Amino acid sequence: MPEVSGDAGRTVVLGERALAIGFRLIGFKDVVEVTPETSALEFRKIVDSGDYSLVIASQSVAKSLPEAVRHQAESSLRPLVVFVPPPSGEYEIESLSTLAKRVLGVSLAVPGVS
């Protein structure tokens, strides 16, 4: 993931048609509609461009990425990559403690409590 400095603060949404339409309807301007065949390439182009500080991508995009790229995206802070569930179908939920550890670098775990 490239280092970005300066005034980058744009957000982009990357996902299947239903997700893209939904984000356009609520006012997002940078929305990229992808198919399973194009999602990995579009994701790499967006992340490598350095134009965005936040990438909101569908979990279906995450599943299309090679493991190393997905891991790199999940640990990146610039751009911050957030995978959201698709409008329909199965989805995975990231726990609050996992999200805090990934984004803030802070563990919410209480010692001695499981």
C-alpha atoms as a PDB file:
ATOM      1  CA  MET A   1       0.000   0.000   0.000  1.00  0.00           C
ATOM      2  CA  PRO A   2       1.455   3.381  -0.934  1.00  0.00           C
ATOM      3  CA  GLU A   3       2.146   6.063   1.615  1.00  0.00           C
ATOM      4  CA  VAL A   4       0.004   9.124   1.059  1.00  0.00           C
ATOM      5  CA  SER A   5       0.729  12.547   2.398  1.00  0.00           C
ATOM      6  CA  GLY A   6      -0.962  15.877   2.207  1.00  0.00           C
ATOM      7  CA  ASP A   7      -4.597  16.545   1.553  1.00  0.00           C
ATOM      8  CA  ALA A   8      -5.893  13.101   0.562  1.00  0.00           C
ATOM      9  CA  GLY A   9      -9.249  12.637   2.203  1.00  0.00           C
ATOM     10  CA  ARG A  10     -11.499  11.140  -0.418  1.00  0.00           C
ATOM     11  CA  THR A  11     -13.646   8.065   0.097  1.00  0.00           C
ATOM     12  CA  VAL A  12     -14.406   5.462  -2.553  1.00  0.00           C
ATOM     13  CA  VAL A  13     -16.940   2.647  -2.517  1.00  0.00           C
ATOM     14  CA  LEU A  14     -16.220  -0.556  -4.404  1.00  0.00           C
ATOM     15  CA  GLY A  15     -18.825  -3.270  -4.778  1.00  0.00           C
ATOM     16  CA  GLU A  16     -21.493  -5.071  -6.710  1.00  0.00           C
ATOM     17  CA  ARG A  17     -24.339  -3.229  -8.408  1.00  0.00           C
ATOM     18  CA  ALA A  18     -26.778  -3.158  -5.463  1.00  0.00           C
ATOM     19  CA  LEU A  19     -24.138  -1.836  -3.066  1.00  0.00           C
ATOM     20  CA  ALA A  20     -22.953   0.752  -5.595  1.00  0.00           C
ATOM     21  CA  ILE A  21     -26.484   2.020  -6.212  1.00  0.00           C
ATOM     22  CA  GLY A  22     -27.151   2.292  -2.488  1.00  0.00           C
ATOM     23  CA  PHE A  23     -24.055   4.379  -1.829  1.00  0.00           C
ATOM     24  CA  ARG A  24     -24.770   6.598  -4.840  1.00  0.00           C
ATOM     25  CA  LEU A  25     -28.282   7.208  -3.515  1.00  0.00           C
ATOM     26  CA  ILE A  26     -26.936   8.474  -0.183  1.00  0.00           C
ATOM     27  CA  GLY A  27     -24.575  10.876  -1.917  1.00  0.00           C
ATOM     28  CA  PHE A  28     -21.243   9.158  -2.482  1.00  0.00           C
ATOM     29  CA  LYS A  29     -19.619  10.406  -5.674  1.00  0.00           C
ATOM     30  CA  ASP A  30     -16.682   7.991  -6.009  1.00  0.00           C
ATOM     31  CA  VAL A  31     -18.403   4.635  -6.477  1.00  0.00           C
ATOM     32  CA  VAL A  32     -16.987   1.809  -8.576  1.00  0.00           C
ATOM     33  CA  GLU A  33     -19.318  -0.992  -9.612  1.00  0.00           C
ATOM     34  CA  VAL A  34     -17.469  -4.301 -10.024  1.00  0.00           C
ATOM     35  CA  THR A  35     -18.147  -7.867 -11.054  1.00  0.00           C
ATOM     36  CA  PRO A  36     -16.458 -10.947  -9.604  1.00  0.00           C
ATOM     37  CA  GLU A  37     -14.112 -10.893 -12.609  1.00  0.00           C
ATOM     38  CA  THR A  38     -13.060  -7.238 -12.225  1.00  0.00           C
ATOM     39  CA  SER A  39     -13.126  -6.705  -8.461  1.00  0.00           C
ATOM     40  CA  ALA A  40      -9.517  -7.664  -7.622  1.00  0.00           C
ATOM     41  CA  LEU A  41      -8.049  -5.542 -10.419  1.00  0.00           C
ATOM     42  CA  GLU A  42     -10.232  -2.521  -9.586  1.00  0.00           C
ATOM     43  CA  PHE A  43      -9.364  -2.848  -5.896  1.00  0.00           C
ATOM     44  CA  ARG A  44      -5.624  -2.818  -6.643  1.00  0.00           C
ATOM     45  CA  LYS A  45      -5.988   0.201  -8.970  1.00  0.00           C
ATOM     46  CA  ILE A  46      -7.865   2.165  -6.317  1.00  0.00           C
ATOM     47  CA  VAL A  47      -5.526   1.314  -3.452  1.00  0.00           C
ATOM     48  CA  ASP A  48      -2.380   1.855  -5.515  1.00  0.00           C
ATOM     49  CA  SER A  49      -3.600   5.220  -6.847  1.00  0.00           C
ATOM     50  CA  GLY A  50      -3.040   6.964  -3.511  1.00  0.00           C
ATOM     51  CA  ASP A  51      -6.103   9.138  -4.208  1.00  0.00           C
ATOM     52  CA  TYR A  52      -8.219   7.827  -1.340  1.00  0.00           C
ATOM     53  CA  SER A  53      -7.901   7.759   2.416  1.00  0.00           C
ATOM     54  CA  LEU A  54     -10.911   5.461   2.934  1.00  0.00           C
ATOM     55  CA  VAL A  55     -11.897   2.486   0.782  1.00  0.00           C
ATOM     56  CA  ILE A  56     -15.280   0.931   1.522  1.00  0.00           C
ATOM     57  CA  ALA A  57     -15.434  -2.408  -0.264  1.00  0.00           C
ATOM     58  CA  SER A  58     -17.935  -5.226  -0.298  1.00  0.00           C
ATOM     59  CA  GLN A  59     -17.014  -8.484   1.411  1.00  0.00           C
ATOM     60  CA  SER A  60     -17.407 -10.112  -1.998  1.00  0.00           C
ATOM     61  CA  VAL A  61     -14.473  -7.968  -3.146  1.00  0.00           C
ATOM     62  CA  ALA A  62     -12.467  -9.164  -0.137  1.00  0.00           C
ATOM     63  CA  LYS A  63     -13.153 -12.779  -1.094  1.00  0.00           C
ATOM     64  CA  SER A  64     -11.831 -12.152  -4.611  1.00  0.00           C
ATOM     65  CA  LEU A  65      -8.463 -10.874  -3.354  1.00  0.00           C
ATOM     66  CA  PRO A  66      -5.405 -13.077  -2.902  1.00  0.00           C
ATOM     67  CA  GLU A  67      -4.759 -13.804   0.785  1.00  0.00           C
ATOM     68  CA  ALA A  68      -1.639 -11.597   0.929  1.00  0.00           C
ATOM     69  CA  VAL A  69      -3.437  -8.609  -0.611  1.00  0.00           C
ATOM     70  CA  ARG A  70      -6.420  -9.056   1.709  1.00  0.00           C
ATOM     71  CA  HIS A  71      -4.162  -9.225   4.759  1.00  0.00           C
ATOM     72  CA  GLN A  72      -2.265  -6.125   3.629  1.00  0.00           C
ATOM     73  CA  ALA A  73      -5.556  -4.262   3.076  1.00  0.00           C
ATOM     74  CA  GLU A  74      -6.906  -5.258   6.484  1.00  0.00           C
ATOM     75  CA  SER A  75      -3.790  -3.945   8.233  1.00  0.00           C
ATOM     76  CA  SER A  76      -3.490  -0.746   6.193  1.00  0.00           C
ATOM     77  CA  LEU A  77      -4.250   2.610   7.777  1.00  0.00           C
ATOM     78  CA  ARG A  78      -3.700   4.736   4.667  1.00  0.00           C
ATOM     79  CA  PRO A  79      -5.905   4.029   2.944  1.00  0.00           C
ATOM     80  CA  LEU A  80      -8.096   2.572   5.630  1.00  0.00           C
ATOM     81  CA  VAL A  81      -9.958  -0.343   4.058  1.00  0.00           C
ATOM     82  CA  VAL A  82     -13.317  -1.383   5.476  1.00  0.00           C
ATOM     83  CA  PHE A  83     -15.126  -4.422   4.120  1.00  0.00           C
ATOM     84  CA  VAL A  84     -18.915  -4.167   4.424  1.00  0.00           C
ATOM     85  CA  PRO A  85     -21.533  -6.867   3.986  1.00  0.00           C
ATOM     86  CA  PRO A  86     -23.342  -7.045   0.658  1.00  0.00           C
ATOM     87  CA  PRO A  87     -26.982  -5.901   0.578  1.00  0.00           C
ATOM     88  CA  SER A  88     -28.118  -9.527   0.383  1.00  0.00           C
ATOM     89  CA  GLY A  89     -26.657 -12.947   0.958  1.00  0.00           C
ATOM     90  CA  GLU A  90     -24.223 -14.264   3.518  1.00  0.00           C
ATOM     91  CA  TYR A  91     -21.770 -12.005   5.292  1.00  0.00           C
ATOM     92  CA  GLU A  92     -19.093 -12.064   7.953  1.00  0.00           C
ATOM     93  CA  ILE A  93     -19.103  -9.749  10.953  1.00  0.00           C
ATOM     94  CA  GLU A  94     -15.834  -8.425  12.362  1.00  0.00           C
ATOM     95  CA  SER A  95     -15.959  -8.139  16.131  1.00  0.00           C
ATOM     96  CA  LEU A  96     -15.596  -4.710  17.724  1.00  0.00           C
ATOM     97  CA  SER A  97     -12.439  -5.792  19.530  1.00  0.00           C
ATOM     98  CA  THR A  98     -10.867  -7.043  16.291  1.00  0.00           C
ATOM     99  CA  LEU A  99     -11.782  -3.819  14.495  1.00  0.00           C
ATOM    100  CA  ALA A 100     -10.348  -1.663  17.304  1.00  0.00           C
ATOM    101  CA  LYS A 101      -7.136  -3.687  17.327  1.00  0.00           C
ATOM    102  CA  ARG A 102      -6.814  -3.396  13.527  1.00  0.00           C
ATOM    103  CA  VAL A 103      -7.664   0.291  13.198  1.00  0.00           C
ATOM    104  CA  LEU A 104      -6.443   1.781  16.466  1.00  0.00           C
ATOM    105  CA  GLY A 105      -3.815  -0.748  17.468  1.00  0.00           C
ATOM    106  CA  VAL A 106      -5.535  -1.048  20.857  1.00  0.00           C
ATOM    107  CA  SER A 107      -6.715  -4.277  22.394  1.00  0.00           C
ATOM    108  CA  LEU A 108     -10.102  -4.138  24.128  1.00  0.00           C
ATOM    109  CA  ALA A 109      -9.571  -7.517  25.762  1.00  0.00           C
ATOM    110  CA  VAL A 110      -9.797  -7.548  29.552  1.00  0.00           C
ATOM    111  CA  PRO A 111      -7.033  -9.657  31.146  1.00  0.00           C
ATOM    112  CA  GLY A 112      -8.398 -12.770  32.815  1.00  0.00           C
ATOM    113  CA  VAL A 113     -11.743 -12.583  31.018  1.00  0.00           C
ATOM    114  CA  SER A 114     -12.458 -14.698  27.975  1.00  0.00           C
END
